[in-house]
PDB file of N, CA and C in Angstrom:
ATOM      1  N   UNK A   1     120.983  54.281 111.244  1.00  0.00           N
ATOM      2  CA  UNK A   1     121.993  54.611 110.048  1.00  0.00           C
ATOM      3  C   UNK A   1     123.196  54.954 110.717  1.00  0.00           C
ATOM      4  N   UNK A   2     124.288  54.458 110.265  1.00  0.00           N
ATOM      5  CA  UNK A   2     125.567  54.707 110.616  1.00  0.00           C
ATOM      6  C   UNK A   2     126.139  56.051 110.336  1.00  0.00           C
ATOM      7  N   UNK A   3     127.106  56.544 110.946  1.00  0.00           N
ATOM      8  CA  UNK A   3     127.527  57.872 110.877  1.00  0.00           C
ATOM      9  C   UNK A   3     128.120  57.907 109.474  1.00  0.00           C
ATOM     10  N   UNK A   4     128.715  57.090 108.917  1.00  0.00           N
ATOM     11  CA  UNK A   4     129.473  57.049 107.472  1.00  0.00           C
ATOM     12  C   UNK A   4     128.400  57.112 106.578  1.00  0.00           C
ATOM     13  N   UNK A   5     127.264  56.552 106.643  1.00  0.00           N
ATOM     14  CA  UNK A   5     126.124  56.623 105.693  1.00  0.00           C
ATOM     15  C   UNK A   5     125.496  57.841 105.575  1.00  0.00           C
ATOM     16  N   UNK A   6     125.358  58.373 106.730  1.00  0.00           N
ATOM     17  CA  UNK A   6     124.683  59.805 106.996  1.00  0.00           C
ATOM     18  C   UNK A   6     125.443  60.935 106.489  1.00  0.00           C
ATOM     19  N   UNK A   7     126.862  60.691 106.617  1.00  0.00           N
ATOM     20  CA  UNK A   7     127.565  61.858 106.189  1.00  0.00           C
ATOM     21  C   UNK A   7     127.694  61.677 104.482  1.00  0.00           C
ATOM     22  N   UNK A   8     127.498  60.463 104.088  1.00  0.00           N
ATOM     23  CA  UNK A   8     127.439  60.121 102.575  1.00  0.00           C
ATOM     24  C   UNK A   8     126.268  60.681 101.860  1.00  0.00           C
ATOM     25  N   UNK A   9     125.434  60.766 102.813  1.00  0.00           N
ATOM     26  CA  UNK A   9     123.849  61.200 102.217  1.00  0.00           C
ATOM     27  C   UNK A   9     123.939  62.761 102.380  1.00  0.00           C
ATOM     28  N   UNK A  10     124.481  63.242 103.115  1.00  0.00           N
ATOM     29  CA  UNK A  10     124.715  64.588 103.383  1.00  0.00           C
ATOM     30  C   UNK A  10     125.612  65.255 102.112  1.00  0.00           C
ATOM     31  N   UNK A  11     126.587  64.591 102.041  1.00  0.00           N
ATOM     32  CA  UNK A  11     127.610  65.129 101.010  1.00  0.00           C
ATOM     33  C   UNK A  11     126.888  65.120  99.504  1.00  0.00           C
ATOM     34  N   UNK A  12     126.355  63.882  99.420  1.00  0.00           N
ATOM     35  CA  UNK A  12     125.582  63.806  98.032  1.00  0.00           C
ATOM     36  C   UNK A  12     124.318  64.729  97.764  1.00  0.00           C
ATOM     37  N   UNK A  13     123.511  65.077  99.136  1.00  0.00           N
ATOM     38  CA  UNK A  13     122.626  66.161  98.770  1.00  0.00           C
ATOM     39  C   UNK A  13     123.064  67.679  98.596  1.00  0.00           C
ATOM     40  N   UNK A  14     124.382  67.875  99.326  1.00  0.00           N
ATOM     41  CA  UNK A  14     124.941  69.123  98.853  1.00  0.00           C
ATOM     42  C   UNK A  14     125.609  69.196  97.459  1.00  0.00           C
ATOM     43  N   UNK A  15     126.176  68.131  97.024  1.00  0.00           N
ATOM     44  CA  UNK A  15     126.433  68.213  95.556  1.00  0.00           C
ATOM     45  C   UNK A  15     125.485  68.431  94.654  1.00  0.00           C
ATOM     46  N   UNK A  16     124.261  67.586  94.942  1.00  0.00           N
ATOM     47  CA  UNK A  16     123.185  67.803  94.276  1.00  0.00           C
ATOM     48  C   UNK A  16     122.477  69.356  94.084  1.00  0.00           C
ATOM     49  N   UNK A  17     122.550  69.801  95.162  1.00  0.00           N
ATOM     50  CA  UNK A  17     122.029  71.126  95.348  1.00  0.00           C
ATOM     51  C   UNK A  17     123.043  72.115  94.610  1.00  0.00           C
ATOM     52  N   UNK A  18     124.403  71.941  94.625  1.00  0.00           N
ATOM     53  CA  UNK A  18     125.246  72.810  94.144  1.00  0.00           C
ATOM     54  C   UNK A  18     125.171  72.662  92.595  1.00  0.00           C
ATOM     55  N   UNK A  19     124.885  71.351  92.039  1.00  0.00           N
ATOM     56  CA  UNK A  19     124.946  71.029  90.606  1.00  0.00           C
ATOM     57  C   UNK A  19     123.523  71.659  90.148  1.00  0.00           C
ATOM     58  N   UNK A  20     122.636  71.813  90.888  1.00  0.00           N
ATOM     59  CA  UNK A  20     121.247  72.510  90.211  1.00  0.00           C
ATOM     60  C   UNK A  20     121.274  74.062  90.336  1.00  0.00           C
ATOM     61  N   UNK A  21     121.851  74.574  91.387  1.00  0.00           N
ATOM     62  CA  UNK A  21     121.831  75.962  91.711  1.00  0.00           C
ATOM     63  C   UNK A  21     123.177  76.846  91.121  1.00  0.00           C
ATOM     64  N   UNK A  22     123.878  76.084  90.651  1.00  0.00           N
ATOM     65  CA  UNK A  22     125.269  76.776  90.321  1.00  0.00           C
ATOM     66  C   UNK A  22     125.000  77.795  89.264  1.00  0.00           C
ATOM     67  N   UNK A  23     125.787  78.904  89.284  1.00  0.00           N
ATOM     68  CA  UNK A  23     125.400  79.950  88.149  1.00  0.00           C
ATOM     69  C   UNK A  23     126.191  79.336  86.809  1.00  0.00           C
ATOM     70  N   UNK A  24     125.523  79.882  85.758  1.00  0.00           N
ATOM     71  CA  UNK A  24     126.187  79.513  84.413  1.00  0.00           C
ATOM     72  C   UNK A  24     127.422  79.952  84.210  1.00  0.00           C
ATOM     73  N   UNK A  25     128.357  79.165  83.668  1.00  0.00           N
ATOM     74  CA  UNK A  25     129.856  79.660  83.461  1.00  0.00           C
ATOM     75  C   UNK A  25     129.816  80.439  82.637  1.00  0.00           C
ATOM     76  N   UNK A  26     130.897  81.453  82.326  1.00  0.00           N
ATOM     77  CA  UNK A  26     131.074  82.569  81.468  1.00  0.00           C
ATOM     78  C   UNK A  26     131.266  82.003  80.038  1.00  0.00           C
ATOM     79  N   UNK A  27     130.528  82.791  78.994  1.00  0.00           N
ATOM     80  CA  UNK A  27     130.455  82.069  77.550  1.00  0.00           C
ATOM     81  C   UNK A  27     130.874  83.493  76.743  1.00  0.00           C
ATOM     82  N   UNK A  28     131.721  83.226  75.848  1.00  0.00           N
ATOM     83  CA  UNK A  28     132.049  84.432  74.879  1.00  0.00           C
ATOM     84  C   UNK A  28     131.587  83.892  73.449  1.00  0.00           C
ATOM     85  N   UNK A  29     130.853  84.667  72.717  1.00  0.00           N
ATOM     86  CA  UNK A  29     130.224  84.663  71.500  1.00  0.00           C
ATOM     87  C   UNK A  29     130.890  85.573  70.525  1.00  0.00           C
ATOM     88  N   UNK A  30     131.770  85.108  69.784  1.00  0.00           N
ATOM     89  CA  UNK A  30     132.512  86.001  68.685  1.00  0.00           C
ATOM     90  C   UNK A  30     131.856  85.858  67.478  1.00  0.00           C
ATOM     91  N   UNK A  31     131.472  86.748  66.741  1.00  0.00           N
ATOM     92  CA  UNK A  31     130.722  86.638  65.310  1.00  0.00           C
ATOM     93  C   UNK A  31     131.517  87.668  64.472  1.00  0.00           C
ATOM     94  N   UNK A  32     132.160  87.185  63.409  1.00  0.00           N
ATOM     95  CA  UNK A  32     132.725  88.104  62.589  1.00  0.00           C
ATOM     96  C   UNK A  32     131.875  87.912  61.038  1.00  0.00           C
ATOM     97  N   UNK A  33     130.978  88.787  60.878  1.00  0.00           N
ATOM     98  CA  UNK A  33     130.134  88.798  59.745  1.00  0.00           C
ATOM     99  C   UNK A  33     130.582  89.654  58.596  1.00  0.00           C
ATOM    100  N   UNK A  34     131.260  89.104  57.703  1.00  0.00           N
ATOM    101  CA  UNK A  34     131.768  89.930  56.484  1.00  0.00           C
ATOM    102  C   UNK A  34     131.008  89.634  54.995  1.00  0.00           C
ATOM    103  N   UNK A  35     129.934  88.596  55.396  1.00  0.00           N
ATOM    104  CA  UNK A  35     129.352  88.347  53.900  1.00  0.00           C
ATOM    105  C   UNK A  35     128.416  89.618  53.700  1.00  0.00           C
ATOM    106  N   UNK A  36     127.807  89.391  52.147  1.00  0.00           N
ATOM    107  CA  UNK A  36     127.096  90.402  51.717  1.00  0.00           C
ATOM    108  C   UNK A  36     125.871  90.305  52.197  1.00  0.00           C
ATOM    109  N   UNK A  37     124.882  91.243  52.237  1.00  0.00           N
ATOM    110  CA  UNK A  37     123.571  91.426  52.986  1.00  0.00           C
ATOM    111  C   UNK A  37     122.650  90.409  52.206  1.00  0.00           C
ATOM    112  N   UNK A  38     122.780  90.442  50.812  1.00  0.00           N
ATOM    113  CA  UNK A  38     121.915  89.668  49.796  1.00  0.00           C
ATOM    114  C   UNK A  38     122.268  88.177  49.489  1.00  0.00           C
ATOM    115  N   UNK A  39     123.530  87.763  50.282  1.00  0.00           N
ATOM    116  CA  UNK A  39     124.060  86.303  50.027  1.00  0.00           C
ATOM    117  C   UNK A  39     123.205  85.551  50.869  1.00  0.00           C
ATOM    118  N   UNK A  40     122.447  84.728  50.223  1.00  0.00           N
ATOM    119  CA  UNK A  40     121.490  83.749  50.895  1.00  0.00           C
ATOM    120  C   UNK A  40     122.057  82.637  51.375  1.00  0.00           C
ATOM    121  N   UNK A  41     123.312  82.119  50.944  1.00  0.00           N
ATOM    122  CA  UNK A  41     124.079  80.972  51.319  1.00  0.00           C
ATOM    123  C   UNK A  41     125.635  81.377  51.533  1.00  0.00           C
ATOM    124  N   UNK A  42     126.022  82.293  52.521  1.00  0.00           N
ATOM    125  CA  UNK A  42     127.316  82.627  52.705  1.00  0.00           C
ATOM    126  C   UNK A  42     128.304  81.475  53.208  1.00  0.00           C
ATOM    127  N   UNK A  43     129.475  81.395  52.969  1.00  0.00           N
ATOM    128  CA  UNK A  43     130.360  80.445  53.437  1.00  0.00           C
ATOM    129  C   UNK A  43     130.677  80.825  54.907  1.00  0.00           C
ATOM    130  N   UNK A  44     130.897  79.835  55.773  1.00  0.00           N
ATOM    131  CA  UNK A  44     130.955  79.985  57.249  1.00  0.00           C
ATOM    132  C   UNK A  44     131.800  78.852  57.968  1.00  0.00           C
ATOM    133  N   UNK A  45     132.517  79.422  58.916  1.00  0.00           N
ATOM    134  CA  UNK A  45     133.501  78.484  59.702  1.00  0.00           C
ATOM    135  C   UNK A  45     132.656  78.664  61.360  1.00  0.00           C
ATOM    136  N   UNK A  46     132.291  77.754  62.022  1.00  0.00           N
ATOM    137  CA  UNK A  46     131.761  77.853  63.309  1.00  0.00           C
ATOM    138  C   UNK A  46     132.561  76.960  64.340  1.00  0.00           C
ATOM    139  N   UNK A  47     133.274  77.308  65.117  1.00  0.00           N
ATOM    140  CA  UNK A  47     134.134  76.750  66.188  1.00  0.00           C
ATOM    141  C   UNK A  47     133.742  76.862  67.457  1.00  0.00           C
ATOM    142  N   UNK A  48     133.970  75.845  68.312  1.00  0.00           N
ATOM    143  CA  UNK A  48     133.534  76.178  69.768  1.00  0.00           C
ATOM    144  C   UNK A  48     134.544  75.661  70.622  1.00  0.00           C
ATOM    145  N   UNK A  49     134.957  76.034  71.650  1.00  0.00           N
ATOM    146  CA  UNK A  49     135.835  75.435  72.618  1.00  0.00           C
ATOM    147  C   UNK A  49     135.250  75.506  73.918  1.00  0.00           C
ATOM    148  N   UNK A  50     135.278  74.372  74.556  1.00  0.00           N
ATOM    149  CA  UNK A  50     134.859  74.596  76.054  1.00  0.00           C
ATOM    150  C   UNK A  50     135.768  73.900  77.090  1.00  0.00           C
ATOM    151  N   UNK A  51     136.472  74.808  78.013  1.00  0.00           N
ATOM    152  CA  UNK A  51     137.514  74.350  78.716  1.00  0.00           C
ATOM    153  C   UNK A  51     137.016  74.247  80.205  1.00  0.00           C
ATOM    154  N   UNK A  52     135.697  74.106  80.442  1.00  0.00           N
ATOM    155  CA  UNK A  52     135.137  73.614  81.658  1.00  0.00           C
ATOM    156  C   UNK A  52     134.743  74.807  82.365  1.00  0.00           C
ATOM    157  N   UNK A  53     135.671  75.910  82.624  1.00  0.00           N
ATOM    158  CA  UNK A  53     135.448  76.966  83.383  1.00  0.00           C
ATOM    159  C   UNK A  53     135.033  78.235  82.475  1.00  0.00           C
ATOM    160  N   UNK A  54     135.399  78.030  81.142  1.00  0.00           N
ATOM    161  CA  UNK A  54     135.100  78.990  80.183  1.00  0.00           C
ATOM    162  C   UNK A  54     134.719  78.495  78.786  1.00  0.00           C
ATOM    163  N   UNK A  55     133.646  79.057  78.218  1.00  0.00           N
ATOM    164  CA  UNK A  55     133.302  78.446  76.740  1.00  0.00           C
ATOM    165  C   UNK A  55     133.471  79.572  75.732  1.00  0.00           C
ATOM    166  N   UNK A  56     134.064  79.199  74.565  1.00  0.00           N
ATOM    167  CA  UNK A  56     134.203  80.283  73.746  1.00  0.00           C
ATOM    168  C   UNK A  56     133.493  79.824  72.216  1.00  0.00           C
ATOM    169  N   UNK A  57     132.871  80.458  71.739  1.00  0.00           N
ATOM    170  CA  UNK A  57     132.310  80.201  70.456  1.00  0.00           C
ATOM    171  C   UNK A  57     132.639  81.246  69.317  1.00  0.00           C
ATOM    172  N   UNK A  58     133.118  80.946  68.189  1.00  0.00           N
ATOM    173  CA  UNK A  58     133.385  81.787  67.210  1.00  0.00           C
ATOM    174  C   UNK A  58     132.693  81.412  65.961  1.00  0.00           C
ATOM    175  N   UNK A  59     132.005  82.472  65.285  1.00  0.00           N
ATOM    176  CA  UNK A  59     131.450  82.282  64.065  1.00  0.00           C
ATOM    177  C   UNK A  59     132.063  83.231  62.930  1.00  0.00           C
ATOM    178  N   UNK A  60     132.563  82.827  61.754  1.00  0.00           N
ATOM    179  CA  UNK A  60     133.115  83.704  60.763  1.00  0.00           C
ATOM    180  C   UNK A  60     132.544  83.390  59.555  1.00  0.00           C
ATOM    181  N   UNK A  61     131.867  84.316  58.858  1.00  0.00           N
ATOM    182  CA  UNK A  61     130.961  84.024  57.565  1.00  0.00           C
ATOM    183  C   UNK A  61     131.692  85.183  56.530  1.00  0.00           C
ATOM    184  N   UNK A  62     131.495  84.669  55.288  1.00  0.00           N
ATOM    185  CA  UNK A  62     132.179  85.427  54.230  1.00  0.00           C
ATOM    186  C   UNK A  62     131.305  85.032  52.795  1.00  0.00           C
ATOM    187  N   UNK A  63     131.244  85.952  52.031  1.00  0.00           N
ATOM    188  CA  UNK A  63     130.536  85.622  50.635  1.00  0.00           C
ATOM    189  C   UNK A  63     131.612  84.964  49.681  1.00  0.00           C
ATOM    190  N   UNK A  64     131.232  84.177  48.977  1.00  0.00           N
ATOM    191  CA  UNK A  64     132.090  83.575  47.918  1.00  0.00           C
ATOM    192  C   UNK A  64     132.525  84.514  46.841  1.00  0.00           C
ATOM    193  N   UNK A  65     131.690  85.535  46.669  1.00  0.00           N
ATOM    194  CA  UNK A  65     132.308  86.728  45.666  1.00  0.00           C
ATOM    195  C   UNK A  65     133.353  87.331  46.262  1.00  0.00           C
ATOM    196  N   UNK A  66     133.470  87.635  47.694  1.00  0.00           N
ATOM    197  CA  UNK A  66     134.534  88.250  48.186  1.00  0.00           C
ATOM    198  C   UNK A  66     135.853  87.623  48.186  1.00  0.00           C
ATOM    199  N   UNK A  67     135.689  86.311  48.431  1.00  0.00           N
ATOM    200  CA  UNK A  67     136.697  85.182  48.454  1.00  0.00           C
ATOM    201  C   UNK A  67     137.564  85.106  47.113  1.00  0.00           C
ATOM    202  N   UNK A  68     136.822  85.369  45.850  1.00  0.00           N
ATOM    203  CA  UNK A  68     137.579  85.083  44.809  1.00  0.00           C
ATOM    204  C   UNK A  68     138.093  86.316  44.173  1.00  0.00           C
TER     205      UNK A  68
END
């Protein structure tokens, strides 16, 4: 095995180990729940942004009676 192939194999193995063992990235979950308790079908907006190093998820709910 040539030196170039051996180096490529080692780098590939290290990349595989890092991909498997890497800790999960930070994730922020924001929930703004303003719907009434008895509302079985509240209105909602759910958005998610993933920047690669940080992920943000936002959920906003409201009752139709409150909105009118």
